[in-house]
Protein backbone atom coordinates (compact mmCIF):
# COMPACT_ATOMS: atom_id res chain seq x y z
CA UNK A 1 123.66 86.34 76.35
CA UNK A 2 122.43 90.05 75.14
CA UNK A 3 119.72 91.58 76.58
CA UNK A 4 117.52 93.57 74.32
CA UNK A 5 116.46 96.75 76.70
CA UNK A 6 113.80 98.56 76.10
CA UNK A 7 114.33 100.71 78.66
CA UNK A 8 117.68 102.23 80.35
CA UNK A 9 117.86 103.53 84.04
CA UNK A 10 117.90 107.31 82.78
CA UNK A 11 114.81 106.04 80.26
CA UNK A 12 113.07 104.29 82.43
CA UNK A 13 113.25 107.57 85.08
CA UNK A 14 111.99 109.16 82.88
CA UNK A 15 109.10 107.58 82.10
CA UNK A 16 108.38 107.43 86.09
CA UNK A 17 108.55 111.23 86.18
CA UNK A 18 106.05 111.44 83.61
CA UNK A 19 103.70 109.33 84.89
CA UNK A 20 104.04 111.38 88.30
CA UNK A 21 103.14 113.86 86.62
CA UNK A 22 99.33 112.45 84.94
CA UNK A 23 99.08 111.03 88.60
CA UNK A 24 98.83 114.57 89.65
CA UNK A 25 96.86 115.49 86.15
CA UNK A 26 94.37 113.14 87.06
CA UNK A 27 93.88 113.83 90.87
CA UNK A 28 94.58 116.93 91.24
CA UNK A 29 90.96 117.31 93.71
CA UNK A 30 92.28 114.97 95.83
CA UNK A 31 93.99 115.00 98.80
CA UNK A 32 95.46 111.51 99.63
CA UNK A 33 97.03 107.93 97.42
CA UNK A 34 96.85 104.99 97.63
CA UNK A 35 99.89 104.07 96.05
CA UNK A 36 99.48 99.68 96.02
CA UNK A 37 102.42 97.89 94.48
CA UNK A 38 102.49 94.35 93.46
CA UNK A 39 105.30 92.30 94.91
CA UNK A 40 108.17 92.33 94.18
CA UNK A 41 109.22 94.53 91.60
CA UNK A 42 105.36 96.80 91.44
CA UNK A 43 106.49 97.60 94.88
CA UNK A 44 109.62 98.89 93.74
CA UNK A 45 107.53 101.47 90.98
CA UNK A 46 105.32 102.19 93.55
CA UNK A 47 107.61 103.51 95.69
CA UNK A 48 109.63 105.10 93.18
CA UNK A 49 106.29 106.63 92.13
CA UNK A 50 105.67 107.78 95.81
CA UNK A 51 109.06 109.67 95.67
CA UNK A 52 108.31 111.50 92.77
CA UNK A 53 104.94 112.34 94.20
CA UNK A 54 106.60 113.84 97.60
CA UNK A 55 108.82 116.22 95.26
CA UNK A 56 105.35 117.38 92.61
CA UNK A 57 102.16 117.63 94.50
CA UNK A 58 100.83 118.13 98.06
CA UNK A 59 99.30 114.43 98.26
CA UNK A 60 99.27 111.97 101.60
CA UNK A 61 100.28 109.02 99.75
CA UNK A 62 100.28 105.40 101.34
CA UNK A 63 102.52 102.95 100.12
CA UNK A 64 100.66 98.97 100.55
CA UNK A 65 101.87 95.50 98.95
CA UNK A 66 100.20 93.19 97.85
CA UNK A 67 101.15 89.62 97.57
CA UNK A 68 99.72 87.23 94.77
CA UNK A 69 100.61 84.37 93.47
CA UNK A 70 100.40 85.89 89.35
CA UNK A 71 100.22 81.64 88.12
CA UNK A 72 97.15 80.92 90.53
CA UNK A 73 96.29 84.04 91.87
CA UNK A 74 93.38 82.61 94.39
CA UNK A 75 95.13 84.96 96.49
CA UNK A 76 95.78 88.61 97.36
CA UNK A 77 97.81 89.77 100.78
CA UNK A 78 98.37 93.41 101.77
CA UNK A 79 100.35 94.10 103.98
CA UNK A 80 98.81 96.83 106.00
CA UNK A 81 95.19 96.70 107.32
CA UNK A 82 93.80 100.58 105.50
CA UNK A 83 89.58 101.07 105.01
CA UNK A 84 89.64 101.85 101.58
CA UNK A 85 86.35 103.46 101.55
CA UNK A 86 86.61 106.83 99.15
CA UNK A 87 89.73 106.94 98.72
CA UNK A 88 91.53 106.54 95.24
CA UNK A 89 93.78 103.75 94.51
CA UNK A 90 96.40 103.18 92.60
CA UNK A 91 97.38 99.24 91.18
CA UNK A 92 100.58 99.31 90.68
CA UNK A 93 103.22 96.78 88.55
CA UNK A 94 106.10 96.62 86.53
CA UNK A 95 104.50 94.65 83.56
CA UNK A 96 100.88 94.46 82.61
CA UNK A 97 100.69 91.42 80.11
CA UNK A 98 97.66 89.57 79.85
CA UNK A 99 96.05 92.33 82.72
CA UNK A 100 95.31 88.84 84.84
CA UNK A 101 97.65 89.91 87.40
CA UNK A 102 96.15 93.64 87.67
CA UNK A 103 92.30 92.31 87.53
CA UNK A 104 93.46 89.88 90.76
CA UNK A 105 95.35 92.37 92.87
CA UNK A 106 91.52 94.51 92.42
CA UNK A 107 90.35 91.64 94.23
CA UNK A 108 90.59 92.59 97.73
CA UNK A 109 89.90 96.29 97.30
CA UNK A 110 86.25 95.04 96.38
CA UNK A 111 85.07 94.20 99.47
CA UNK A 112 85.33 98.58 99.90
CA UNK A 113 83.75 101.51 98.83
CA UNK A 114 86.82 103.14 97.00
CA UNK A 115 86.35 106.84 94.67
CA UNK A 116 88.43 104.97 91.83
CA UNK A 117 90.69 102.56 91.32
CA UNK A 118 93.40 103.15 88.71
CA UNK A 119 95.77 101.06 87.29
CA UNK A 120 99.69 102.00 86.30
CA UNK A 121 102.91 99.96 84.78
CA UNK A 122 105.93 100.53 83.83
CA UNK A 123 105.81 98.31 80.73
CA UNK A 124 102.44 97.52 78.90
CA UNK A 125 102.21 94.54 76.63
CA UNK A 126 99.40 95.79 73.67
CA UNK A 127 97.75 92.73 73.52
CA UNK A 128 95.12 91.66 76.36
CA UNK A 129 93.27 88.69 77.50
CA UNK A 130 91.36 90.11 80.02
CA UNK A 131 89.40 93.40 80.55
CA UNK A 132 92.02 95.59 82.21
CA UNK A 133 93.31 98.70 80.51
CA UNK A 134 96.27 100.52 82.26
CA UNK A 135 95.70 104.35 83.33
CA UNK A 136 99.09 105.08 83.13
CA UNK A 137 101.73 103.80 80.72
CA UNK A 138 105.35 104.47 80.91
CA UNK A 139 106.01 102.31 77.47
CA UNK A 140 103.72 100.33 75.23
CA UNK A 141 105.39 97.59 73.45
CA UNK A 142 104.33 94.71 71.20
CA UNK A 143 105.42 91.48 71.45
CA UNK A 144 104.74 88.03 70.77
CA UNK A 145 103.19 85.73 73.09
CA UNK A 146 106.44 83.58 73.82
CA UNK A 147 107.80 87.02 74.35
CA UNK A 148 108.82 88.24 77.89
CA UNK A 149 109.19 91.35 78.97
CA UNK A 150 111.90 91.66 82.78
CA UNK A 151 112.17 95.05 84.65
CA UNK A 152 115.62 95.56 86.35
CA UNK A 153 115.33 96.97 89.81
CA UNK A 154 118.60 96.96 91.89
CA UNK A 155 117.18 98.20 95.83
CA UNK A 156 114.75 100.98 94.92
CA UNK A 157 115.59 102.03 91.58
CA UNK A 158 114.31 100.49 88.52
CA UNK A 159 117.77 100.44 86.21
CA UNK A 160 116.51 98.75 82.75
CA UNK A 161 113.59 96.62 81.46
CA UNK A 162 114.43 93.75 78.38
CA UNK A 163 112.42 91.92 75.90
CA UNK A 164 113.07 88.14 76.14
């Protein structure tokens, strides 16, 4: 089956770099950022963003992984306990579909008083069922409800995204 690529590896890299610069611009007064990647591919995107931020900023960054069932997201597990009070948290996923995963991924942070919560997705679909807007978007794609977007990762690198 031929894949209908919307991003190849180099294009994905450029999108990630642009989003890292946007994060710096929007958080210039901050000292620390928590990058919360949604497992699996969202965690890879979070680590890519962390590497880029380390090259272009002086932010102290902490990467954590959020684990949840994307179909039935009742419980969210965090890879390590942190005091999120007064912190800037960026919830990161590979694809923002309906907004449901992003919304539920924020649930554990609501037990605290974070300074702000932002969202990032490498690929965003243009129709949402939940009231979540994505602050940092690599590429926005108009799709039908039947189409799916997949982000390919290899190790710690995003190698592409395609529509199926």
